[in-house]
Amino acid sequence: MSKRATTLAAATQTILALIERQLQANQADEWEEMEQLETERLQLIKKAFAQDIVTECNQNKELTLLVRTSIEKIKKAEEKLMDAVKNNRAETGDQLQKLQRGGKAAKAYTQQP
């Protein structure tokens, strides 16, 4: 395995680990950590899949296959993350609506003679 392939494989594992940490942060409603991990993950993706990798892929079929496989793994993990975030956002919205309704009910109750 070439040095570039080894580096890409390691970066892919790190990216997948960051997505897993984002899933955990999402479940714990730790939004600031989610943002930090997102920034870190995007920077790593840009670095791992920099433009020069295209030139190397034209000359190295093994690297081309690794890039394709890495992108597929990352894409699948990101889809899982996006689904989890959407579900959590919906649940949070529902909870907020319940709190707002509860607040209105409490206000109406306290204003009765």
N, C-alpha and C. Protein backbone atom coordinates (compact mmCIF):
# COMPACT_ATOMS: atom_id res chain seq x y z
N MET A 1 0.85 -1.18 0.00
CA MET A 1 0.00 0.00 0.00
C MET A 1 0.89 1.23 0.00
N SER A 2 0.57 2.18 -0.86
CA SER A 2 1.36 3.41 -0.96
C SER A 2 1.17 4.27 0.28
N LYS A 3 2.07 5.21 0.44
CA LYS A 3 1.98 6.12 1.59
C LYS A 3 0.68 6.91 1.54
N ARG A 4 0.30 7.35 0.34
CA ARG A 4 -0.94 8.13 0.19
C ARG A 4 -2.15 7.28 0.55
N ALA A 5 -2.14 6.01 0.14
CA ALA A 5 -3.25 5.11 0.46
C ALA A 5 -3.34 4.87 1.96
N THR A 6 -2.21 4.69 2.60
CA THR A 6 -2.18 4.49 4.05
C THR A 6 -2.72 5.73 4.77
N THR A 7 -2.31 6.89 4.31
CA THR A 7 -2.78 8.16 4.89
C THR A 7 -4.28 8.31 4.70
N LEU A 8 -4.76 7.99 3.50
CA LEU A 8 -6.19 8.11 3.22
C LEU A 8 -7.00 7.12 4.07
N ALA A 9 -6.50 5.90 4.21
CA ALA A 9 -7.20 4.91 5.03
C ALA A 9 -7.30 5.37 6.48
N ALA A 10 -6.21 5.93 6.98
CA ALA A 10 -6.22 6.44 8.37
C ALA A 10 -7.17 7.62 8.50
N ALA A 11 -7.15 8.52 7.52
CA ALA A 11 -8.05 9.68 7.56
C ALA A 11 -9.50 9.23 7.51
N THR A 12 -9.79 8.24 6.70
CA THR A 12 -11.16 7.73 6.60
C THR A 12 -11.62 7.18 7.95
N GLN A 13 -10.77 6.44 8.63
CA GLN A 13 -11.12 5.90 9.95
C GLN A 13 -11.36 7.04 10.95
N THR A 14 -10.55 8.07 10.87
CA THR A 14 -10.72 9.22 11.77
C THR A 14 -12.03 9.94 11.47
N ILE A 15 -12.34 10.11 10.20
CA ILE A 15 -13.59 10.76 9.80
C ILE A 15 -14.78 9.96 10.30
N LEU A 16 -14.74 8.65 10.13
CA LEU A 16 -15.82 7.80 10.60
C LEU A 16 -15.95 7.86 12.13
N ALA A 17 -14.83 7.94 12.82
CA ALA A 17 -14.86 8.07 14.29
C ALA A 17 -15.47 9.40 14.70
N LEU A 18 -15.17 10.46 13.95
CA LEU A 18 -15.76 11.77 14.25
C LEU A 18 -17.27 11.74 14.04
N ILE A 19 -17.71 11.06 13.00
CA ILE A 19 -19.15 10.94 12.76
C ILE A 19 -19.81 10.18 13.91
N GLU A 20 -19.16 9.14 14.38
CA GLU A 20 -19.70 8.39 15.52
C GLU A 20 -19.79 9.27 16.76
N ARG A 21 -18.77 10.08 16.98
CA ARG A 21 -18.81 11.01 18.12
C ARG A 21 -19.92 12.04 17.94
N GLN A 22 -20.17 12.46 16.69
CA GLN A 22 -21.26 13.39 16.44
C GLN A 22 -22.61 12.73 16.74
N LEU A 23 -22.74 11.47 16.40
CA LEU A 23 -23.98 10.75 16.72
C LEU A 23 -24.21 10.73 18.23
N GLN A 24 -23.16 10.48 18.98
CA GLN A 24 -23.27 10.47 20.43
C GLN A 24 -23.61 11.85 20.97
N ALA A 25 -22.96 12.88 20.43
CA ALA A 25 -23.23 14.25 20.87
C ALA A 25 -24.66 14.65 20.53
N ASN A 26 -25.13 14.24 19.37
CA ASN A 26 -26.50 14.52 18.96
C ASN A 26 -27.49 13.90 19.94
N GLN A 27 -27.26 12.65 20.29
CA GLN A 27 -28.15 11.96 21.21
C GLN A 27 -28.16 12.63 22.59
N ALA A 28 -27.03 13.20 22.97
CA ALA A 28 -26.92 13.86 24.28
C ALA A 28 -27.30 15.34 24.21
N ASP A 29 -27.77 15.80 23.04
CA ASP A 29 -28.12 17.21 22.83
C ASP A 29 -26.96 18.15 23.12
N GLU A 30 -25.77 17.74 22.78
CA GLU A 30 -24.57 18.56 22.98
C GLU A 30 -24.25 19.27 21.66
N TRP A 31 -24.96 20.38 21.41
CA TRP A 31 -24.90 21.05 20.11
C TRP A 31 -23.56 21.70 19.85
N GLU A 32 -22.94 22.26 20.87
CA GLU A 32 -21.63 22.90 20.67
C GLU A 32 -20.58 21.88 20.27
N GLU A 33 -20.63 20.71 20.89
CA GLU A 33 -19.69 19.65 20.52
C GLU A 33 -19.96 19.18 19.10
N MET A 34 -21.24 19.11 18.73
CA MET A 34 -21.60 18.73 17.36
C MET A 34 -20.95 19.69 16.36
N GLU A 35 -21.05 20.98 16.63
CA GLU A 35 -20.47 21.99 15.73
C GLU A 35 -18.95 21.85 15.65
N GLN A 36 -18.31 21.66 16.79
CA GLN A 36 -16.86 21.52 16.81
C GLN A 36 -16.42 20.30 16.01
N LEU A 37 -17.11 19.18 16.23
CA LEU A 37 -16.78 17.95 15.51
C LEU A 37 -17.05 18.10 14.02
N GLU A 38 -18.10 18.81 13.67
CA GLU A 38 -18.42 19.05 12.25
C GLU A 38 -17.31 19.84 11.57
N THR A 39 -16.83 20.88 12.23
CA THR A 39 -15.74 21.68 11.68
C THR A 39 -14.48 20.83 11.50
N GLU A 40 -14.17 20.06 12.51
CA GLU A 40 -12.99 19.19 12.47
C GLU A 40 -13.12 18.16 11.34
N ARG A 41 -14.31 17.57 11.22
CA ARG A 41 -14.55 16.54 10.21
C ARG A 41 -14.44 17.13 8.79
N LEU A 42 -15.03 18.29 8.58
CA LEU A 42 -14.97 18.90 7.24
C LEU A 42 -13.55 19.27 6.85
N GLN A 43 -12.78 19.76 7.80
CA GLN A 43 -11.37 20.08 7.50
C GLN A 43 -10.60 18.82 7.12
N LEU A 44 -10.86 17.74 7.83
CA LEU A 44 -10.17 16.48 7.55
C LEU A 44 -10.58 15.92 6.18
N ILE A 45 -11.84 16.06 5.85
CA ILE A 45 -12.31 15.60 4.53
C ILE A 45 -11.62 16.40 3.42
N LYS A 46 -11.56 17.70 3.58
CA LYS A 46 -10.89 18.54 2.57
C LYS A 46 -9.43 18.15 2.40
N LYS A 47 -8.79 17.89 3.51
CA LYS A 47 -7.38 17.51 3.47
C LYS A 47 -7.19 16.13 2.85
N ALA A 48 -8.04 15.17 3.24
CA ALA A 48 -7.90 13.79 2.76
C ALA A 48 -8.19 13.67 1.27
N PHE A 49 -9.14 14.47 0.80
CA PHE A 49 -9.56 14.36 -0.60
C PHE A 49 -9.17 15.62 -1.38
N ALA A 50 -7.99 16.12 -1.11
CA ALA A 50 -7.48 17.31 -1.79
C ALA A 50 -7.34 17.04 -3.29
N GLN A 51 -7.27 18.09 -4.04
CA GLN A 51 -7.23 18.01 -5.50
C GLN A 51 -6.10 17.12 -6.01
N ASP A 52 -4.97 17.11 -5.36
CA ASP A 52 -3.84 16.32 -5.85
C ASP A 52 -4.11 14.82 -5.84
N ILE A 53 -5.12 14.40 -5.11
CA ILE A 53 -5.44 12.97 -5.08
C ILE A 53 -6.00 12.52 -6.43
N VAL A 54 -6.65 13.43 -7.16
CA VAL A 54 -7.18 13.10 -8.48
C VAL A 54 -6.05 12.71 -9.41
N THR A 55 -4.98 13.47 -9.41
CA THR A 55 -3.82 13.16 -10.25
C THR A 55 -3.25 11.81 -9.88
N GLU A 56 -3.13 11.56 -8.60
CA GLU A 56 -2.59 10.27 -8.15
C GLU A 56 -3.51 9.11 -8.52
N CYS A 57 -4.82 9.34 -8.47
CA CYS A 57 -5.77 8.28 -8.83
C CYS A 57 -5.65 7.91 -10.31
N ASN A 58 -5.34 8.88 -11.14
CA ASN A 58 -5.16 8.61 -12.56
C ASN A 58 -4.00 7.66 -12.81
N GLN A 59 -3.09 7.59 -11.87
CA GLN A 59 -1.89 6.77 -12.03
C GLN A 59 -1.88 5.53 -11.13
N ASN A 60 -2.88 5.39 -10.26
CA ASN A 60 -2.83 4.33 -9.26
C ASN A 60 -4.24 3.76 -9.05
N LYS A 61 -4.49 2.60 -9.63
CA LYS A 61 -5.83 1.99 -9.53
C LYS A 61 -6.17 1.58 -8.10
N GLU A 62 -5.18 1.15 -7.34
CA GLU A 62 -5.41 0.78 -5.94
C GLU A 62 -5.92 1.98 -5.16
N LEU A 63 -5.31 3.13 -5.38
CA LEU A 63 -5.73 4.35 -4.70
C LEU A 63 -7.13 4.75 -5.15
N THR A 64 -7.41 4.60 -6.43
CA THR A 64 -8.74 4.93 -6.96
C THR A 64 -9.81 4.11 -6.25
N LEU A 65 -9.57 2.83 -6.09
CA LEU A 65 -10.52 1.96 -5.41
C LEU A 65 -10.68 2.36 -3.94
N LEU A 66 -9.58 2.70 -3.30
CA LEU A 66 -9.62 3.11 -1.90
C LEU A 66 -10.41 4.42 -1.75
N VAL A 67 -10.20 5.35 -2.67
CA VAL A 67 -10.94 6.62 -2.62
C VAL A 67 -12.43 6.35 -2.77
N ARG A 68 -12.79 5.53 -3.72
CA ARG A 68 -14.21 5.21 -3.94
C ARG A 68 -14.81 4.55 -2.70
N THR A 69 -14.12 3.57 -2.16
CA THR A 69 -14.60 2.86 -0.97
C THR A 69 -14.71 3.81 0.23
N SER A 70 -13.71 4.67 0.39
CA SER A 70 -13.72 5.63 1.51
C SER A 70 -14.91 6.58 1.39
N ILE A 71 -15.13 7.09 0.19
CA ILE A 71 -16.24 8.02 -0.02
C ILE A 71 -17.57 7.33 0.27
N GLU A 72 -17.72 6.09 -0.17
CA GLU A 72 -18.97 5.36 0.07
C GLU A 72 -19.21 5.16 1.56
N LYS A 73 -18.15 4.79 2.31
CA LYS A 73 -18.28 4.59 3.75
C LYS A 73 -18.66 5.90 4.45
N ILE A 74 -17.98 6.96 4.07
CA ILE A 74 -18.25 8.27 4.69
C ILE A 74 -19.67 8.73 4.36
N LYS A 75 -20.06 8.58 3.11
CA LYS A 75 -21.41 8.98 2.69
C LYS A 75 -22.47 8.23 3.47
N LYS A 76 -22.30 6.93 3.64
CA LYS A 76 -23.27 6.11 4.38
C LYS A 76 -23.34 6.57 5.84
N ALA A 77 -22.19 6.82 6.45
CA ALA A 77 -22.16 7.28 7.84
C ALA A 77 -22.79 8.67 7.98
N GLU A 78 -22.55 9.55 7.00
CA GLU A 78 -23.13 10.89 7.04
C GLU A 78 -24.65 10.84 6.88
N GLU A 79 -25.14 9.93 6.06
CA GLU A 79 -26.59 9.78 5.92
C GLU A 79 -27.22 9.35 7.24
N LYS A 80 -26.55 8.43 7.93
CA LYS A 80 -27.02 7.99 9.24
C LYS A 80 -27.04 9.16 10.23
N LEU A 81 -25.98 9.98 10.18
CA LEU A 81 -25.89 11.14 11.06
C LEU A 81 -27.01 12.14 10.75
N MET A 82 -27.22 12.41 9.47
CA MET A 82 -28.25 13.38 9.09
C MET A 82 -29.64 12.90 9.53
N ASP A 83 -29.92 11.61 9.38
CA ASP A 83 -31.20 11.07 9.83
C ASP A 83 -31.36 11.25 11.34
N ALA A 84 -30.30 10.97 12.08
CA ALA A 84 -30.35 11.11 13.54
C ALA A 84 -30.57 12.57 13.94
N VAL A 85 -29.90 13.49 13.27
CA VAL A 85 -30.06 14.92 13.57
C VAL A 85 -31.48 15.37 13.27
N LYS A 86 -32.01 14.95 12.12
CA LYS A 86 -33.39 15.33 11.77
C LYS A 86 -34.38 14.80 12.79
N ASN A 87 -34.21 13.56 13.20
CA ASN A 87 -35.10 12.98 14.20
C ASN A 87 -35.01 13.72 15.52
N ASN A 88 -33.79 14.03 15.93
CA ASN A 88 -33.59 14.74 17.20
C ASN A 88 -34.18 16.14 17.12
N ARG A 89 -34.00 16.79 15.99
CA ARG A 89 -34.55 18.13 15.82
C ARG A 89 -36.08 18.09 15.91
N ALA A 90 -36.70 17.08 15.30
CA ALA A 90 -38.15 16.94 15.37
C ALA A 90 -38.60 16.71 16.81
N GLU A 91 -37.89 15.84 17.52
CA GLU A 91 -38.24 15.57 18.92
C GLU A 91 -38.08 16.82 19.78
N THR A 92 -37.02 17.56 19.54
CA THR A 92 -36.77 18.79 20.30
C THR A 92 -37.87 19.81 20.01
N GLY A 93 -38.27 19.90 18.76
CA GLY A 93 -39.36 20.81 18.39
C GLY A 93 -40.66 20.42 19.07
N ASP A 94 -40.95 19.13 19.12
CA ASP A 94 -42.16 18.66 19.81
C ASP A 94 -42.12 19.01 21.29
N GLN A 95 -40.96 18.80 21.91
CA GLN A 95 -40.82 19.12 23.33
C GLN A 95 -41.00 20.62 23.58
N LEU A 96 -40.47 21.42 22.68
CA LEU A 96 -40.61 22.87 22.81
C LEU A 96 -42.07 23.28 22.70
N GLN A 97 -42.78 22.70 21.76
CA GLN A 97 -44.21 23.02 21.61
C GLN A 97 -44.99 22.63 22.86
N LYS A 98 -44.67 21.48 23.45
CA LYS A 98 -45.34 21.05 24.67
C LYS A 98 -45.06 22.03 25.81
N LEU A 99 -43.81 22.48 25.90
CA LEU A 99 -43.47 23.45 26.94
C LEU A 99 -44.22 24.75 26.74
N GLN A 100 -44.31 25.19 25.49
CA GLN A 100 -45.02 26.43 25.20
C GLN A 100 -46.51 26.30 25.53
N ARG A 101 -47.10 25.17 25.17
CA ARG A 101 -48.51 24.94 25.49
C ARG A 101 -48.71 24.88 27.01
N GLY A 102 -47.77 24.23 27.68
CA GLY A 102 -47.85 24.14 29.14
C GLY A 102 -47.73 25.50 29.78
N GLY A 103 -46.86 26.32 29.23
CA GLY A 103 -46.70 27.68 29.75
C GLY A 103 -47.96 28.51 29.55
N LYS A 104 -48.60 28.36 28.40
CA LYS A 104 -49.84 29.08 28.13
C LYS A 104 -50.95 28.61 29.06
N ALA A 105 -51.00 27.30 29.27
CA ALA A 105 -52.02 26.76 30.17
C ALA A 105 -51.80 27.27 31.59
N ALA A 106 -50.56 27.27 32.04
CA ALA A 106 -50.25 27.75 33.39
C ALA A 106 -50.61 29.22 33.52
N LYS A 107 -50.31 29.99 32.50
CA LYS A 107 -50.63 31.43 32.52
C LYS A 107 -52.13 31.63 32.56
N ALA A 108 -52.87 30.90 31.77
CA ALA A 108 -54.33 31.02 31.75
C ALA A 108 -54.91 30.59 33.10
N TYR A 109 -54.37 29.57 33.69
CA TYR A 109 -54.85 29.07 34.96
C TYR A 109 -54.63 30.10 36.07
N THR A 110 -53.44 30.73 36.06
CA THR A 110 -53.13 31.69 37.12
C THR A 110 -53.90 33.00 36.94
N GLN A 111 -54.40 33.26 35.74
CA GLN A 111 -55.13 34.50 35.49
C GLN A 111 -56.63 34.37 35.78
N GLN A 112 -57.09 33.16 36.06
CA GLN A 112 -58.51 32.97 36.34
C GLN A 112 -58.83 33.54 37.72
N PRO A 113 -60.04 34.14 37.85
CA PRO A 113 -60.43 34.73 39.15
C PRO A 113 -60.65 33.73 40.23
